[in-house]
Amino acid sequence: MNNIAKKIEITANIAIIILVVLLGAVLVKGFFLPKIGLSNTSGSNTTSGDGGLVGKPISIPDIDWSKTDRTLVLALQKDCPFCTMSATFYQRLRKELIELGGIRLVAVLPHAINEANDYLSELGVSVDEVEQVSLSSIGVKGTPTILLVDNKGIITNVWRGKLQSERENDILTRLGVNCVTQ
């Protein structure tokens, strides 16, 4: 009888350890790793992978979408490691947009404007406008997120997360930049 009790106790302990490990993995994934979604790089107006944003209007006070044909919105946060790691691409993006002309680059952050400007300055990223926005109010669930918005304020494309070079080139191509693999 004593032998059976020991086996039950060992089995229960193993089950508890497995449960704790699984629960720990769920907590780490859900709370400690940045939430990065899929992106819509197909250019279509489907909602799969874009959080339902493509084809929807976006409203950010003080931004007049009709100023230019298209506006590229960078949704960032100071504490986002992927935002910081993407700075080189944002610098390149800015350079290409200046050469292209006709497309604005706007940064939206949930931080005060002076904090946002300091952060962008640390990254070496210059933009046309900086706005303090609750990211959830514009449908952004994770950072970094890049939104391409037309002159009527309709989101036409969404890219999320730290982008691989192919996806960076996809953005540049959609903007009309002739990409050479770098």
C-alpha atoms as a PDB file:
ATOM      1  CA  MET A   1       0.000   0.000   0.000  1.00  0.00           C
ATOM      2  CA  ASN A   2       2.857   2.347   0.878  1.00  0.00           C
ATOM      3  CA  ASN A   3       4.386   1.719  -2.583  1.00  0.00           C
ATOM      4  CA  ILE A   4       1.147   2.763  -4.355  1.00  0.00           C
ATOM      5  CA  ALA A   5       0.959   5.980  -2.317  1.00  0.00           C
ATOM      6  CA  LYS A   6       4.542   6.873  -3.319  1.00  0.00           C
ATOM      7  CA  LYS A   7       3.754   6.300  -7.018  1.00  0.00           C
ATOM      8  CA  ILE A   8       0.642   8.481  -6.774  1.00  0.00           C
ATOM      9  CA  GLU A   9       2.632  11.205  -5.014  1.00  0.00           C
ATOM     10  CA  ILE A  10       5.411  11.109  -7.642  1.00  0.00           C
ATOM     11  CA  THR A  11       2.867  11.198 -10.484  1.00  0.00           C
ATOM     12  CA  ALA A  12       1.063  14.136  -8.861  1.00  0.00           C
ATOM     13  CA  ASN A  13       4.350  16.011  -8.386  1.00  0.00           C
ATOM     14  CA  ILE A  14       5.320  15.471 -12.034  1.00  0.00           C
ATOM     15  CA  ALA A  15       1.886  16.680 -13.164  1.00  0.00           C
ATOM     16  CA  ILE A  16       2.225  19.804 -10.998  1.00  0.00           C
ATOM     17  CA  ILE A  17       5.690  20.545 -12.415  1.00  0.00           C
ATOM     18  CA  ILE A  18       4.417  20.185 -15.992  1.00  0.00           C
ATOM     19  CA  LEU A  19       1.451  22.433 -15.216  1.00  0.00           C
ATOM     20  CA  VAL A  20       3.693  25.103 -13.655  1.00  0.00           C
ATOM     21  CA  VAL A  21       6.049  25.041 -16.667  1.00  0.00           C
ATOM     22  CA  LEU A  22       3.124  25.387 -19.107  1.00  0.00           C
ATOM     23  CA  LEU A  23       1.557  28.183 -17.072  1.00  0.00           C
ATOM     24  CA  GLY A  24       4.917  29.961 -16.906  1.00  0.00           C
ATOM     25  CA  ALA A  25       5.283  29.735 -20.698  1.00  0.00           C
ATOM     26  CA  VAL A  26       1.798  31.194 -21.188  1.00  0.00           C
ATOM     27  CA  LEU A  27       2.549  34.058 -18.793  1.00  0.00           C
ATOM     28  CA  VAL A  28       5.874  34.853 -20.440  1.00  0.00           C
ATOM     29  CA  LYS A  29       4.314  34.819 -23.896  1.00  0.00           C
ATOM     30  CA  GLY A  30       1.276  36.837 -22.870  1.00  0.00           C
ATOM     31  CA  PHE A  31       2.791  39.448 -20.594  1.00  0.00           C
ATOM     32  CA  PHE A  32       6.508  39.777 -21.139  1.00  0.00           C
ATOM     33  CA  LEU A  33       7.036  39.390 -24.880  1.00  0.00           C
ATOM     34  CA  PRO A  34       5.860  42.239 -27.124  1.00  0.00           C
ATOM     35  CA  LYS A  35       2.662  41.485 -28.937  1.00  0.00           C
ATOM     36  CA  ILE A  36       3.407  41.324 -32.634  1.00  0.00           C
ATOM     37  CA  GLY A  37       0.674  40.491 -35.077  1.00  0.00           C
ATOM     38  CA  LEU A  38       0.690  39.392 -38.656  1.00  0.00           C
ATOM     39  CA  SER A  39       0.681  41.995 -41.341  1.00  0.00           C
ATOM     40  CA  ASN A  40      -1.161  42.591 -44.539  1.00  0.00           C
ATOM     41  CA  THR A  41       1.517  42.760 -47.168  1.00  0.00           C
ATOM     42  CA  SER A  42      -0.711  41.587 -49.979  1.00  0.00           C
ATOM     43  CA  GLY A  43      -2.012  45.066 -50.653  1.00  0.00           C
ATOM     44  CA  SER A  44      -5.567  43.801 -50.708  1.00  0.00           C
ATOM     45  CA  ASN A  45      -8.355  45.216 -48.614  1.00  0.00           C
ATOM     46  CA  THR A  46      -8.844  42.025 -46.665  1.00  0.00           C
ATOM     47  CA  THR A  47      -8.983  42.029 -42.906  1.00  0.00           C
ATOM     48  CA  SER A  48      -7.015  38.849 -42.310  1.00  0.00           C
ATOM     49  CA  GLY A  49      -3.796  39.576 -40.464  1.00  0.00           C
ATOM     50  CA  ASP A  50      -4.304  43.327 -40.243  1.00  0.00           C
ATOM     51  CA  GLY A  51      -6.565  43.365 -37.215  1.00  0.00           C
ATOM     52  CA  GLY A  52      -9.449  44.546 -39.383  1.00  0.00           C
ATOM     53  CA  LEU A  53      -7.791  47.918 -39.981  1.00  0.00           C
ATOM     54  CA  VAL A  54      -7.420  47.897 -43.773  1.00  0.00           C
ATOM     55  CA  GLY A  55     -10.311  49.746 -45.374  1.00  0.00           C
ATOM     56  CA  LYS A  56     -11.264  51.476 -42.115  1.00  0.00           C
ATOM     57  CA  PRO A  57     -11.030  55.192 -41.432  1.00  0.00           C
ATOM     58  CA  ILE A  58      -8.476  56.401 -38.918  1.00  0.00           C
ATOM     59  CA  SER A  59      -9.047  59.490 -36.833  1.00  0.00           C
ATOM     60  CA  ILE A  60      -6.162  61.318 -35.218  1.00  0.00           C
ATOM     61  CA  PRO A  61      -6.894  64.848 -34.026  1.00  0.00           C
ATOM     62  CA  ASP A  62      -4.783  67.541 -35.694  1.00  0.00           C
ATOM     63  CA  ILE A  63      -3.910  65.361 -38.698  1.00  0.00           C
ATOM     64  CA  ASP A  64      -5.386  66.491 -41.996  1.00  0.00           C
ATOM     65  CA  TRP A  65      -5.119  63.460 -44.264  1.00  0.00           C
ATOM     66  CA  SER A  66      -5.949  65.530 -47.351  1.00  0.00           C
ATOM     67  CA  LYS A  67      -2.622  67.430 -47.100  1.00  0.00           C
ATOM     68  CA  THR A  68      -0.933  64.677 -49.127  1.00  0.00           C
ATOM     69  CA  ASP A  69      -2.037  61.731 -51.242  1.00  0.00           C
ATOM     70  CA  ARG A  70      -0.661  59.291 -48.691  1.00  0.00           C
ATOM     71  CA  THR A  71       0.579  59.372 -45.118  1.00  0.00           C
ATOM     72  CA  LEU A  72       2.741  56.768 -43.460  1.00  0.00           C
ATOM     73  CA  VAL A  73       1.977  56.471 -39.747  1.00  0.00           C
ATOM     74  CA  LEU A  74       4.572  54.960 -37.408  1.00  0.00           C
ATOM     75  CA  ALA A  75       2.924  53.709 -34.199  1.00  0.00           C
ATOM     76  CA  LEU A  76       5.725  53.365 -31.650  1.00  0.00           C
ATOM     77  CA  GLN A  77       6.408  53.161 -27.910  1.00  0.00           C
ATOM     78  CA  LYS A  78       9.550  54.134 -26.018  1.00  0.00           C
ATOM     79  CA  ASP A  79       9.764  50.810 -24.180  1.00  0.00           C
ATOM     80  CA  CYS A  80       9.352  48.702 -27.330  1.00  0.00           C
ATOM     81  CA  PRO A  81      12.640  46.955 -28.192  1.00  0.00           C
ATOM     82  CA  PHE A  82      11.444  46.212 -31.735  1.00  0.00           C
ATOM     83  CA  CYS A  83      10.708  49.911 -32.294  1.00  0.00           C
ATOM     84  CA  THR A  84      14.278  50.729 -31.313  1.00  0.00           C
ATOM     85  CA  MET A  85      15.696  47.907 -33.456  1.00  0.00           C
ATOM     86  CA  SER A  86      13.698  49.235 -36.442  1.00  0.00           C
ATOM     87  CA  ALA A  87      15.230  52.734 -36.263  1.00  0.00           C
ATOM     88  CA  THR A  88      17.611  52.112 -39.171  1.00  0.00           C
ATOM     89  CA  PHE A  89      14.668  51.270 -41.425  1.00  0.00           C
ATOM     90  CA  TYR A  90      12.738  54.352 -40.271  1.00  0.00           C
ATOM     91  CA  GLN A  91      15.790  56.501 -41.080  1.00  0.00           C
ATOM     92  CA  ARG A  92      15.962  54.954 -44.550  1.00  0.00           C
ATOM     93  CA  LEU A  93      12.223  55.366 -44.967  1.00  0.00           C
ATOM     94  CA  ARG A  94      12.479  59.072 -44.148  1.00  0.00           C
ATOM     95  CA  LYS A  95      15.309  59.559 -46.646  1.00  0.00           C
ATOM     96  CA  GLU A  96      13.358  57.787 -49.401  1.00  0.00           C
ATOM     97  CA  LEU A  97      10.175  59.753 -48.661  1.00  0.00           C
ATOM     98  CA  ILE A  98      12.042  63.056 -48.904  1.00  0.00           C
ATOM     99  CA  GLU A  99      13.374  62.039 -52.314  1.00  0.00           C
ATOM    100  CA  LEU A 100       9.943  60.825 -53.450  1.00  0.00           C
ATOM    101  CA  GLY A 101       7.935  63.748 -52.132  1.00  0.00           C
ATOM    102  CA  GLY A 102       4.179  63.783 -51.617  1.00  0.00           C
ATOM    103  CA  ILE A 103       4.075  61.313 -48.712  1.00  0.00           C
ATOM    104  CA  ARG A 104       4.081  62.447 -45.090  1.00  0.00           C
ATOM    105  CA  LEU A 105       5.700  60.516 -42.265  1.00  0.00           C
ATOM    106  CA  VAL A 106       3.824  60.842 -38.973  1.00  0.00           C
ATOM    107  CA  ALA A 107       4.780  59.253 -35.652  1.00  0.00           C
ATOM    108  CA  VAL A 108       2.121  58.457 -33.065  1.00  0.00           C
ATOM    109  CA  LEU A 109       3.105  57.474 -29.553  1.00  0.00           C
ATOM    110  CA  PRO A 110       1.185  57.185 -26.286  1.00  0.00           C
ATOM    111  CA  HIS A 111       3.750  59.460 -24.608  1.00  0.00           C
ATOM    112  CA  ALA A 112       3.786  63.223 -24.131  1.00  0.00           C
ATOM    113  CA  ILE A 113       4.964  65.050 -27.259  1.00  0.00           C
ATOM    114  CA  ASN A 114       8.268  66.145 -25.682  1.00  0.00           C
ATOM    115  CA  GLU A 115       9.032  62.543 -24.596  1.00  0.00           C
ATOM    116  CA  ALA A 116       8.089  61.274 -28.051  1.00  0.00           C
ATOM    117  CA  ASN A 117      10.332  63.857 -29.722  1.00  0.00           C
ATOM    118  CA  ASP A 118      13.216  62.944 -27.397  1.00  0.00           C
ATOM    119  CA  TYR A 119      12.763  59.246 -28.200  1.00  0.00           C
ATOM    120  CA  LEU A 120      12.660  59.864 -31.956  1.00  0.00           C
ATOM    121  CA  SER A 121      15.733  62.078 -31.640  1.00  0.00           C
ATOM    122  CA  GLU A 122      17.579  59.289 -29.773  1.00  0.00           C
ATOM    123  CA  LEU A 123      16.695  56.957 -32.645  1.00  0.00           C
ATOM    124  CA  GLY A 124      17.816  59.498 -35.238  1.00  0.00           C
ATOM    125  CA  VAL A 125      14.376  59.397 -36.856  1.00  0.00           C
ATOM    126  CA  SER A 126      12.850  62.610 -38.171  1.00  0.00           C
ATOM    127  CA  VAL A 127       9.177  62.832 -39.056  1.00  0.00           C
ATOM    128  CA  ASP A 128       6.802  65.491 -40.364  1.00  0.00           C
ATOM    129  CA  GLU A 129       4.488  65.351 -37.357  1.00  0.00           C
ATOM    130  CA  VAL A 130       4.408  63.755 -33.910  1.00  0.00           C
ATOM    131  CA  GLU A 131       1.110  63.135 -32.138  1.00  0.00           C
ATOM    132  CA  GLN A 132       0.279  61.778 -28.704  1.00  0.00           C
ATOM    133  CA  VAL A 133      -2.345  59.094 -29.250  1.00  0.00           C
ATOM    134  CA  SER A 134      -3.711  56.166 -27.313  1.00  0.00           C
ATOM    135  CA  LEU A 135      -2.671  53.412 -29.702  1.00  0.00           C
ATOM    136  CA  SER A 136      -5.756  51.334 -28.923  1.00  0.00           C
ATOM    137  CA  SER A 137      -7.929  54.290 -30.000  1.00  0.00           C
ATOM    138  CA  ILE A 138      -6.625  53.863 -33.556  1.00  0.00           C
ATOM    139  CA  GLY A 139      -6.825  50.063 -33.497  1.00  0.00           C
ATOM    140  CA  VAL A 140      -3.108  49.416 -32.961  1.00  0.00           C
ATOM    141  CA  LYS A 141      -2.609  46.417 -30.687  1.00  0.00           C
ATOM    142  CA  GLY A 142       1.168  46.111 -30.767  1.00  0.00           C
ATOM    143  CA  THR A 143       4.232  48.093 -31.697  1.00  0.00           C
ATOM    144  CA  PRO A 144       5.844  48.829 -33.963  1.00  0.00           C
ATOM    145  CA  THR A 145       2.994  49.153 -36.452  1.00  0.00           C
ATOM    146  CA  ILE A 146       3.169  51.025 -39.746  1.00  0.00           C
ATOM    147  CA  LEU A 147      -0.062  52.227 -41.347  1.00  0.00           C
ATOM    148  CA  LEU A 148      -0.377  53.546 -44.884  1.00  0.00           C
ATOM    149  CA  VAL A 149      -3.297  55.972 -45.003  1.00  0.00           C
ATOM    150  CA  ASP A 150      -4.838  57.593 -48.088  1.00  0.00           C
ATOM    151  CA  ASN A 151      -5.892  61.241 -48.428  1.00  0.00           C
ATOM    152  CA  LYS A 152      -9.377  60.440 -47.125  1.00  0.00           C
ATOM    153  CA  GLY A 153      -8.046  58.927 -43.892  1.00  0.00           C
ATOM    154  CA  ILE A 154      -8.632  55.298 -44.935  1.00  0.00           C
ATOM    155  CA  ILE A 155      -6.014  52.722 -43.955  1.00  0.00           C
ATOM    156  CA  THR A 156      -4.769  50.938 -47.079  1.00  0.00           C
ATOM    157  CA  ASN A 157      -1.959  48.794 -45.654  1.00  0.00           C
ATOM    158  CA  VAL A 158      -0.717  47.591 -42.276  1.00  0.00           C
ATOM    159  CA  TRP A 159       2.677  46.194 -41.319  1.00  0.00           C
ATOM    160  CA  ARG A 160       3.403  44.996 -37.783  1.00  0.00           C
ATOM    161  CA  GLY A 161       6.452  44.071 -35.809  1.00  0.00           C
ATOM    162  CA  LYS A 162      10.165  44.120 -36.566  1.00  0.00           C
ATOM    163  CA  LEU A 163      10.170  43.714 -40.327  1.00  0.00           C
ATOM    164  CA  GLN A 164      12.497  41.503 -42.303  1.00  0.00           C
ATOM    165  CA  SER A 165      14.234  43.194 -45.255  1.00  0.00           C
ATOM    166  CA  GLU A 166      11.740  41.702 -47.752  1.00  0.00           C
ATOM    167  CA  ARG A 167       8.841  43.319 -45.898  1.00  0.00           C
ATOM    168  CA  GLU A 168      10.735  46.598 -45.572  1.00  0.00           C
ATOM    169  CA  ASN A 169      11.214  46.528 -49.342  1.00  0.00           C
ATOM    170  CA  ASP A 170       7.503  45.760 -49.745  1.00  0.00           C
ATOM    171  CA  ILE A 171       6.680  49.017 -47.962  1.00  0.00           C
ATOM    172  CA  LEU A 172       9.145  50.984 -50.067  1.00  0.00           C
ATOM    173  CA  THR A 173       7.824  49.407 -53.272  1.00  0.00           C
ATOM    174  CA  ARG A 174       4.219  50.281 -52.356  1.00  0.00           C
ATOM    175  CA  LEU A 175       5.356  53.849 -51.839  1.00  0.00           C
ATOM    176  CA  GLY A 176       6.974  53.939 -55.276  1.00  0.00           C
ATOM    177  CA  VAL A 177      10.617  53.509 -54.284  1.00  0.00           C
ATOM    178  CA  ASN A 178      12.698  51.399 -56.648  1.00  0.00           C
ATOM    179  CA  CYS A 179      14.251  48.934 -54.168  1.00  0.00           C
ATOM    180  CA  VAL A 180      17.668  47.418 -54.510  1.00  0.00           C
ATOM    181  CA  THR A 181      18.384  44.678 -51.967  1.00  0.00           C
ATOM    182  CA  GLN A 182      20.614  46.103 -49.273  1.00  0.00           C
END
